[in-house]
N, C-alpha and C. Protein backbone atom coordinates (compact mmCIF):
# COMPACT_ATOMS: atom_id res chain seq x y z
N UNK A 1 37.19 -40.45 -21.93
CA UNK A 1 36.81 -39.21 -21.27
C UNK A 1 35.34 -38.89 -21.62
N UNK A 2 34.92 -39.13 -22.83
CA UNK A 2 33.53 -38.84 -23.20
C UNK A 2 32.56 -39.73 -22.44
N UNK A 3 33.00 -40.94 -22.12
CA UNK A 3 32.18 -41.87 -21.37
C UNK A 3 31.92 -41.35 -19.96
N UNK A 4 32.88 -40.75 -19.34
CA UNK A 4 32.75 -40.24 -17.99
C UNK A 4 31.76 -39.05 -17.94
N UNK A 5 31.77 -38.20 -18.95
CA UNK A 5 30.83 -37.07 -18.94
C UNK A 5 29.39 -37.52 -19.18
N UNK A 6 29.24 -38.59 -19.96
CA UNK A 6 27.90 -39.07 -20.20
C UNK A 6 27.31 -39.68 -18.93
N UNK A 7 28.12 -40.36 -18.14
CA UNK A 7 27.58 -40.98 -16.95
C UNK A 7 27.20 -39.95 -15.89
N UNK A 8 27.96 -38.86 -15.79
CA UNK A 8 27.61 -37.84 -14.79
C UNK A 8 26.39 -37.05 -15.24
N UNK A 9 26.23 -36.78 -16.53
CA UNK A 9 25.09 -36.01 -16.99
C UNK A 9 23.80 -36.84 -16.90
N UNK A 10 23.90 -38.18 -16.97
CA UNK A 10 22.72 -39.01 -16.85
C UNK A 10 22.19 -38.98 -15.42
N UNK A 11 23.04 -38.75 -14.44
CA UNK A 11 22.59 -38.76 -13.06
C UNK A 11 21.89 -37.45 -12.67
N UNK A 12 22.22 -36.35 -13.27
CA UNK A 12 21.60 -35.08 -12.94
C UNK A 12 20.21 -34.96 -13.59
N UNK A 13 19.32 -34.30 -12.89
CA UNK A 13 17.97 -34.13 -13.41
C UNK A 13 17.89 -32.88 -14.29
N UNK A 14 17.26 -33.04 -15.43
CA UNK A 14 17.12 -31.93 -16.38
C UNK A 14 15.63 -31.57 -16.57
N UNK A 15 14.79 -31.81 -15.59
CA UNK A 15 13.38 -31.56 -15.75
C UNK A 15 13.03 -30.08 -15.71
N UNK A 16 13.67 -29.34 -14.87
CA UNK A 16 13.34 -27.92 -14.75
C UNK A 16 12.13 -27.76 -13.84
N UNK A 17 11.58 -26.57 -13.87
CA UNK A 17 10.42 -26.27 -13.01
C UNK A 17 9.13 -26.50 -13.80
N UNK A 18 8.10 -26.95 -13.09
CA UNK A 18 6.81 -27.16 -13.80
C UNK A 18 6.13 -25.83 -14.08
N UNK A 19 5.36 -25.78 -15.15
CA UNK A 19 4.64 -24.57 -15.49
C UNK A 19 3.54 -24.32 -14.47
N UNK A 20 3.26 -23.08 -14.17
CA UNK A 20 2.17 -22.72 -13.28
C UNK A 20 1.25 -21.73 -13.97
N UNK A 21 -0.01 -21.76 -13.62
CA UNK A 21 -1.02 -20.84 -14.18
C UNK A 21 -1.92 -20.41 -13.02
N UNK A 22 -2.52 -19.22 -13.17
CA UNK A 22 -3.50 -18.73 -12.20
C UNK A 22 -4.81 -18.57 -12.96
N UNK A 23 -5.89 -19.11 -12.40
CA UNK A 23 -7.20 -19.04 -13.10
C UNK A 23 -8.34 -19.15 -12.14
N UNK A 24 -9.54 -19.10 -12.71
CA UNK A 24 -10.79 -19.15 -11.96
C UNK A 24 -11.42 -20.52 -12.15
N UNK A 25 -11.92 -21.09 -11.04
CA UNK A 25 -12.59 -22.41 -11.11
C UNK A 25 -13.97 -22.21 -11.72
N UNK A 26 -14.26 -22.89 -12.82
CA UNK A 26 -15.53 -22.77 -13.53
C UNK A 26 -16.45 -23.97 -13.27
N UNK A 27 -15.90 -25.09 -12.85
CA UNK A 27 -16.73 -26.23 -12.53
C UNK A 27 -16.06 -27.06 -11.44
N UNK A 28 -16.85 -27.48 -10.45
CA UNK A 28 -16.29 -28.32 -9.40
C UNK A 28 -17.15 -29.58 -9.15
N UNK A 29 -17.86 -29.99 -10.20
CA UNK A 29 -18.85 -31.05 -10.07
C UNK A 29 -18.31 -32.43 -10.40
N UNK A 30 -17.00 -32.65 -10.21
CA UNK A 30 -16.43 -33.97 -10.40
C UNK A 30 -15.67 -34.32 -9.12
N UNK A 31 -15.45 -35.58 -8.92
CA UNK A 31 -14.72 -36.02 -7.74
C UNK A 31 -13.25 -35.87 -7.98
N UNK A 32 -12.60 -35.15 -7.10
CA UNK A 32 -11.15 -34.94 -7.12
C UNK A 32 -10.70 -34.17 -8.35
N UNK A 33 -11.59 -33.49 -9.04
CA UNK A 33 -11.22 -32.71 -10.24
C UNK A 33 -11.99 -31.42 -10.29
N UNK A 34 -11.33 -30.34 -10.70
CA UNK A 34 -11.98 -29.06 -10.98
C UNK A 34 -11.54 -28.60 -12.36
N UNK A 35 -12.38 -27.77 -12.97
CA UNK A 35 -12.06 -27.18 -14.26
C UNK A 35 -11.65 -25.73 -14.00
N UNK A 36 -10.45 -25.36 -14.43
CA UNK A 36 -9.93 -24.02 -14.21
C UNK A 36 -9.80 -23.31 -15.55
N UNK A 37 -10.39 -22.08 -15.64
CA UNK A 37 -10.27 -21.30 -16.86
C UNK A 37 -9.17 -20.23 -16.65
N UNK A 38 -8.18 -20.26 -17.54
CA UNK A 38 -7.07 -19.32 -17.46
C UNK A 38 -7.21 -18.35 -18.62
N UNK A 39 -7.26 -17.07 -18.32
CA UNK A 39 -7.37 -16.04 -19.34
C UNK A 39 -6.03 -15.33 -19.49
N UNK A 40 -5.70 -14.97 -20.72
CA UNK A 40 -4.48 -14.20 -20.96
C UNK A 40 -4.68 -13.28 -22.14
N UNK A 41 -3.87 -12.25 -22.24
CA UNK A 41 -3.95 -11.32 -23.35
C UNK A 41 -2.65 -11.40 -24.14
N UNK A 42 -2.80 -11.50 -25.46
CA UNK A 42 -1.62 -11.63 -26.28
C UNK A 42 -1.93 -10.93 -27.61
N UNK A 43 -0.87 -10.49 -28.27
CA UNK A 43 -1.04 -9.82 -29.56
C UNK A 43 -1.11 -10.84 -30.67
N UNK A 44 -1.86 -10.55 -31.70
CA UNK A 44 -2.00 -11.43 -32.85
C UNK A 44 -0.63 -11.48 -33.54
N UNK A 45 -0.20 -12.66 -33.97
CA UNK A 45 1.14 -12.74 -34.57
C UNK A 45 1.30 -11.93 -35.86
N UNK A 46 0.25 -11.83 -36.67
CA UNK A 46 0.38 -11.11 -37.92
C UNK A 46 -0.11 -9.70 -37.84
N UNK A 47 -1.25 -9.48 -37.22
CA UNK A 47 -1.87 -8.12 -37.26
C UNK A 47 -1.56 -7.29 -36.04
N UNK A 48 -1.13 -7.88 -34.96
CA UNK A 48 -0.72 -7.10 -33.81
C UNK A 48 -1.86 -6.68 -32.86
N UNK A 49 -3.08 -7.00 -33.19
CA UNK A 49 -4.18 -6.64 -32.33
C UNK A 49 -4.13 -7.45 -31.02
N UNK A 50 -4.41 -6.77 -29.88
CA UNK A 50 -4.39 -7.44 -28.59
C UNK A 50 -5.69 -8.25 -28.47
N UNK A 51 -5.58 -9.50 -28.19
CA UNK A 51 -6.73 -10.38 -28.06
C UNK A 51 -6.75 -11.01 -26.68
N UNK A 52 -8.01 -11.28 -26.21
CA UNK A 52 -8.16 -12.02 -24.96
C UNK A 52 -8.37 -13.48 -25.31
N UNK A 53 -7.53 -14.33 -24.76
CA UNK A 53 -7.64 -15.76 -25.02
C UNK A 53 -7.81 -16.51 -23.71
N UNK A 54 -8.56 -17.61 -23.74
CA UNK A 54 -8.76 -18.39 -22.52
C UNK A 54 -8.64 -19.84 -22.89
N UNK A 55 -8.25 -20.58 -21.86
CA UNK A 55 -8.08 -22.02 -22.03
C UNK A 55 -8.56 -22.71 -20.75
N UNK A 56 -9.16 -23.88 -20.90
CA UNK A 56 -9.66 -24.62 -19.76
C UNK A 56 -8.73 -25.78 -19.45
N UNK A 57 -8.43 -25.95 -18.19
CA UNK A 57 -7.59 -27.04 -17.75
C UNK A 57 -8.35 -27.84 -16.67
N UNK A 58 -8.24 -29.18 -16.73
CA UNK A 58 -8.73 -30.00 -15.66
C UNK A 58 -7.62 -30.24 -14.68
N UNK A 59 -7.89 -29.93 -13.41
CA UNK A 59 -6.83 -30.02 -12.40
C UNK A 59 -7.27 -30.96 -11.29
N UNK A 60 -6.31 -31.63 -10.73
CA UNK A 60 -6.57 -32.61 -9.67
C UNK A 60 -6.57 -31.94 -8.30
N UNK A 61 -7.50 -32.29 -7.45
CA UNK A 61 -7.55 -31.84 -6.07
C UNK A 61 -7.81 -33.09 -5.21
N UNK A 62 -6.85 -33.44 -4.38
CA UNK A 62 -6.94 -34.69 -3.64
C UNK A 62 -8.07 -34.74 -2.64
N UNK A 63 -8.29 -33.65 -1.90
CA UNK A 63 -9.28 -33.67 -0.82
C UNK A 63 -10.65 -33.16 -1.26
N UNK A 64 -10.93 -33.08 -2.54
CA UNK A 64 -12.24 -32.61 -3.06
C UNK A 64 -13.09 -33.81 -3.45
N UNK A 65 -14.21 -33.97 -2.76
CA UNK A 65 -15.13 -35.04 -3.08
C UNK A 65 -16.49 -34.39 -3.29
N UNK A 66 -16.98 -34.34 -4.52
CA UNK A 66 -18.05 -33.41 -4.88
C UNK A 66 -19.31 -33.45 -4.02
N UNK A 67 -20.04 -34.50 -3.95
CA UNK A 67 -21.32 -34.33 -3.22
C UNK A 67 -21.15 -34.21 -1.74
N UNK A 68 -20.14 -34.86 -1.13
CA UNK A 68 -20.06 -34.86 0.31
C UNK A 68 -19.12 -33.81 0.91
N UNK A 69 -17.96 -33.64 0.30
CA UNK A 69 -16.94 -32.73 0.88
C UNK A 69 -16.42 -31.81 -0.22
N UNK A 70 -16.98 -30.63 -0.30
CA UNK A 70 -16.57 -29.63 -1.34
C UNK A 70 -15.54 -28.70 -0.71
N UNK A 71 -14.33 -28.73 -1.23
CA UNK A 71 -13.25 -27.90 -0.70
C UNK A 71 -13.01 -26.66 -1.57
N UNK A 72 -13.28 -26.77 -2.89
CA UNK A 72 -13.06 -25.65 -3.81
C UNK A 72 -14.39 -25.37 -4.49
N UNK A 73 -14.81 -24.10 -4.47
CA UNK A 73 -16.10 -23.73 -5.07
C UNK A 73 -15.86 -23.01 -6.41
N UNK A 74 -16.93 -22.91 -7.18
CA UNK A 74 -16.86 -22.15 -8.45
C UNK A 74 -16.61 -20.69 -8.11
N UNK A 75 -15.75 -20.08 -8.90
CA UNK A 75 -15.38 -18.68 -8.69
C UNK A 75 -14.13 -18.47 -7.88
N UNK A 76 -13.61 -19.50 -7.28
CA UNK A 76 -12.37 -19.41 -6.53
C UNK A 76 -11.19 -19.18 -7.48
N UNK A 77 -10.24 -18.36 -7.03
CA UNK A 77 -9.03 -18.08 -7.81
C UNK A 77 -7.96 -19.04 -7.30
N UNK A 78 -7.41 -19.89 -8.20
CA UNK A 78 -6.46 -20.90 -7.76
C UNK A 78 -5.18 -20.84 -8.63
N UNK A 79 -4.12 -21.41 -8.07
CA UNK A 79 -2.87 -21.57 -8.82
C UNK A 79 -2.76 -23.06 -9.11
N UNK A 80 -2.52 -23.41 -10.39
CA UNK A 80 -2.38 -24.79 -10.81
C UNK A 80 -0.94 -25.00 -11.32
N UNK A 81 -0.50 -26.22 -11.20
CA UNK A 81 0.89 -26.57 -11.61
C UNK A 81 0.86 -27.80 -12.50
N UNK A 82 1.76 -27.84 -13.42
CA UNK A 82 1.83 -28.97 -14.37
C UNK A 82 2.37 -30.19 -13.61
N UNK A 83 1.83 -31.36 -13.94
CA UNK A 83 2.27 -32.60 -13.31
C UNK A 83 2.13 -33.74 -14.32
N UNK A 84 2.54 -34.92 -13.89
CA UNK A 84 2.45 -36.05 -14.79
C UNK A 84 0.95 -36.39 -15.04
N UNK A 85 0.62 -37.02 -16.15
CA UNK A 85 -0.78 -37.30 -16.47
C UNK A 85 -1.44 -38.16 -15.38
N UNK A 86 -2.59 -37.64 -14.86
CA UNK A 86 -3.36 -38.38 -13.87
C UNK A 86 -4.47 -39.18 -14.58
N UNK A 87 -4.90 -38.72 -15.72
CA UNK A 87 -5.92 -39.42 -16.50
C UNK A 87 -5.81 -39.00 -17.95
N UNK A 88 -6.82 -39.27 -18.75
CA UNK A 88 -6.77 -38.87 -20.16
C UNK A 88 -6.67 -37.35 -20.34
N UNK A 89 -7.39 -36.61 -19.52
CA UNK A 89 -7.44 -35.12 -19.66
C UNK A 89 -6.66 -34.38 -18.57
N UNK A 90 -6.39 -34.98 -17.45
CA UNK A 90 -5.77 -34.25 -16.30
C UNK A 90 -4.28 -34.28 -16.36
N UNK A 91 -3.66 -33.12 -16.54
CA UNK A 91 -2.22 -32.97 -16.48
C UNK A 91 -1.82 -31.86 -15.51
N UNK A 92 -2.75 -31.35 -14.73
CA UNK A 92 -2.51 -30.24 -13.82
C UNK A 92 -3.02 -30.60 -12.43
N UNK A 93 -2.50 -29.92 -11.42
CA UNK A 93 -3.00 -30.12 -10.06
C UNK A 93 -3.10 -28.73 -9.39
N UNK A 94 -4.04 -28.60 -8.45
CA UNK A 94 -4.21 -27.35 -7.75
C UNK A 94 -3.18 -27.25 -6.65
N UNK A 95 -2.36 -26.17 -6.67
CA UNK A 95 -1.32 -25.99 -5.71
C UNK A 95 -1.87 -25.26 -4.50
N UNK A 96 -2.61 -24.14 -4.74
CA UNK A 96 -3.13 -23.36 -3.66
C UNK A 96 -4.37 -22.57 -4.12
N UNK A 97 -5.19 -22.24 -3.10
CA UNK A 97 -6.35 -21.35 -3.37
C UNK A 97 -5.93 -19.97 -3.01
N UNK A 98 -5.90 -19.07 -3.99
CA UNK A 98 -5.43 -17.70 -3.75
C UNK A 98 -6.54 -16.83 -3.18
N UNK A 99 -7.75 -17.03 -3.62
CA UNK A 99 -8.86 -16.18 -3.22
C UNK A 99 -10.18 -16.96 -3.28
N UNK A 100 -10.93 -16.95 -2.23
CA UNK A 100 -12.21 -17.63 -2.21
C UNK A 100 -13.26 -16.72 -2.84
N UNK A 101 -14.29 -17.36 -3.44
CA UNK A 101 -15.32 -16.60 -4.13
C UNK A 101 -16.22 -15.93 -3.11
N UNK A 102 -16.83 -14.81 -3.50
CA UNK A 102 -17.65 -14.02 -2.60
C UNK A 102 -19.10 -14.53 -2.56
N UNK A 103 -19.53 -15.25 -3.61
CA UNK A 103 -20.96 -15.65 -3.69
C UNK A 103 -21.36 -16.86 -2.92
N UNK A 104 -20.46 -17.49 -2.17
CA UNK A 104 -20.80 -18.71 -1.43
C UNK A 104 -20.96 -18.41 0.01
């Protein structure tokens, strides 16, 4: 009986949903890659002070080719999603552009 439950649980996927973040594009000067800065506010674990923290993610954009075809500009607000590693640093991809920057 235990063998039957193991075989059925092995067939079902237990990956869950990928993490998503919303951030601002800070660099678009690579081919098929943009750097997205995600800011968040969290309380300090010991002292309780609210702090602003930010983290940079390299995200993959398939149709972005820097010198010739720029699809995402600096200052754009984008949603990124976690994916399998595309390179040494890239583990995220751009899902959608939420808001285009005003300065372009």
